[in-house]
Amino acid sequence: MSATVTLTGIVCNKCHFKVAEVLDGCPSCGSESIEKVELKPTGHIDSFTVVHVGFGHMAERAPYVLAIVQTEENVKLTTVIEGVSDFASVKIGDQVRLKTIDEKIGPIFQY
């Protein structure tokens, strides 16, 4: 049985901006009045590319889909999409779900 993976980020108490990173201040308005929040683990592909030549720790993963995913709360994050058997089938708007968080690359979503 797999453990539940949680996507966390911050929300600004001043301007209500959300981001999928834990920071010391709001990147939108600069306020330090922020709190850590749990983000919904689902979203859609907002933009993507297929990486054919990876580098460093990503070299063995190539080819892979690198995407900007927009969560249900309109938080955008750059992530790897796993579970793609046909790269030509990936489309903007396709639904994805958080699969795991890799310590080297961050959140990984499942196609």
Protein backbone atom coordinates (compact mmCIF):
# COMPACT_ATOMS: atom_id res chain seq x y z
CA MET A 1 0.00 0.00 0.00
CA SER A 2 1.44 3.38 -0.97
CA ALA A 3 1.55 6.35 1.37
CA THR A 4 -0.44 9.46 0.57
CA VAL A 5 1.68 12.17 -1.02
CA THR A 6 0.89 15.74 -0.03
CA LEU A 7 1.65 18.82 -2.12
CA THR A 8 2.38 21.78 0.14
CA GLY A 9 2.92 25.43 -0.51
CA ILE A 10 2.15 28.81 1.00
CA VAL A 11 -0.70 31.26 0.85
CA CYS A 12 -0.21 34.97 1.48
CA ASN A 13 -2.52 36.36 4.16
CA LYS A 14 -2.33 39.82 2.54
CA CYS A 15 -2.91 39.22 -1.20
CA HIS A 16 -4.01 35.52 -1.07
CA PHE A 17 -1.40 34.47 -3.67
CA LYS A 18 -0.61 30.74 -3.53
CA VAL A 19 2.62 29.09 -4.59
CA ALA A 20 3.75 25.46 -4.48
CA GLU A 21 6.92 26.23 -2.56
CA VAL A 22 7.57 26.90 1.09
CA LEU A 23 9.10 30.38 1.22
CA ASP A 24 9.72 33.07 3.83
CA GLY A 25 7.63 35.68 2.04
CA CYS A 26 5.05 36.19 -0.69
CA PRO A 27 6.65 36.32 -4.16
CA SER A 28 3.70 38.42 -5.40
CA CYS A 29 3.45 41.26 -2.86
CA GLY A 30 6.46 40.73 -0.56
CA SER A 31 4.41 40.27 2.60
CA GLU A 32 5.87 38.07 5.32
CA SER A 33 2.36 37.25 6.56
CA ILE A 34 2.13 33.80 5.02
CA GLU A 35 1.09 30.34 6.10
CA LYS A 36 1.88 26.83 4.94
CA VAL A 37 -1.05 25.12 3.21
CA GLU A 38 -1.87 21.78 1.64
CA LEU A 39 -2.62 22.07 -2.07
CA LYS A 40 -5.00 19.86 -4.02
CA PRO A 41 -3.11 17.03 -5.76
CA THR A 42 -4.89 17.37 -9.11
CA GLY A 43 -4.62 19.75 -12.01
CA HIS A 44 -4.17 20.02 -15.75
CA ILE A 45 -1.32 20.47 -18.19
CA ASP A 46 -0.98 24.17 -19.01
CA SER A 47 2.10 23.81 -21.24
CA PHE A 48 4.57 21.01 -21.97
CA THR A 49 7.51 19.77 -23.98
CA VAL A 50 9.07 16.37 -24.54
CA VAL A 51 12.69 16.31 -23.37
CA HIS A 52 14.74 13.90 -25.48
CA VAL A 53 18.17 14.59 -23.98
CA GLY A 54 18.23 14.95 -20.21
CA PHE A 55 21.24 16.02 -18.20
CA GLY A 56 22.61 15.16 -14.78
CA HIS A 57 20.24 13.06 -12.72
CA MET A 58 17.56 13.44 -15.44
CA ALA A 59 19.66 11.83 -18.21
CA GLU A 60 18.36 8.34 -17.46
CA ARG A 61 14.72 9.49 -17.55
CA ALA A 62 14.83 10.80 -21.14
CA PRO A 63 12.68 10.96 -23.06
CA TYR A 64 10.15 12.45 -20.64
CA VAL A 65 7.40 15.06 -20.50
CA LEU A 66 8.27 18.31 -18.71
CA ALA A 67 5.14 20.35 -18.06
CA ILE A 68 3.69 23.35 -16.35
CA VAL A 69 0.78 22.00 -14.33
CA GLN A 70 -1.96 24.28 -13.05
CA THR A 71 -3.59 22.93 -9.90
CA GLU A 72 -7.25 23.41 -9.02
CA GLU A 73 -6.23 26.48 -6.97
CA ASN A 74 -4.56 28.06 -10.03
CA VAL A 75 -1.05 27.38 -8.68
CA LYS A 76 1.36 26.70 -11.54
CA LEU A 77 4.44 24.54 -11.13
CA THR A 78 7.00 22.97 -13.41
CA THR A 79 6.98 19.19 -13.09
CA VAL A 80 7.76 15.89 -14.75
CA ILE A 81 4.77 13.89 -16.00
CA GLU A 82 5.07 10.10 -15.68
CA GLY A 83 2.93 7.38 -17.20
CA VAL A 84 2.99 8.70 -20.75
CA SER A 85 3.20 5.81 -23.22
CA ASP A 86 2.59 7.90 -26.36
CA PHE A 87 4.12 11.38 -26.28
CA ALA A 88 1.99 12.46 -29.26
CA SER A 89 -1.15 11.89 -27.18
CA VAL A 90 -0.28 14.51 -24.54
CA LYS A 91 -2.42 17.63 -24.90
CA ILE A 92 -2.77 20.94 -23.11
CA GLY A 93 -5.69 20.58 -20.72
CA ASP A 94 -5.08 16.89 -19.95
CA GLN A 95 -5.80 16.04 -16.32
CA VAL A 96 -2.93 14.88 -14.09
CA ARG A 97 -2.57 13.83 -10.45
CA LEU A 98 0.31 14.15 -8.01
CA LYS A 99 2.19 10.85 -7.82
CA THR A 100 5.24 11.52 -5.66
CA ILE A 101 7.76 14.13 -4.61
CA ASP A 102 11.34 13.46 -5.68
CA GLU A 103 13.98 15.12 -3.49
CA LYS A 104 16.03 16.14 -6.55
CA ILE A 105 13.31 17.35 -8.92
CA GLY A 106 10.27 18.08 -6.76
CA PRO A 107 6.67 17.06 -7.49
CA ILE A 108 6.03 14.39 -10.12
CA PHE A 109 2.55 14.09 -11.60
CA GLN A 110 0.91 11.02 -13.15
CA TYR A 111 -0.70 11.16 -16.60
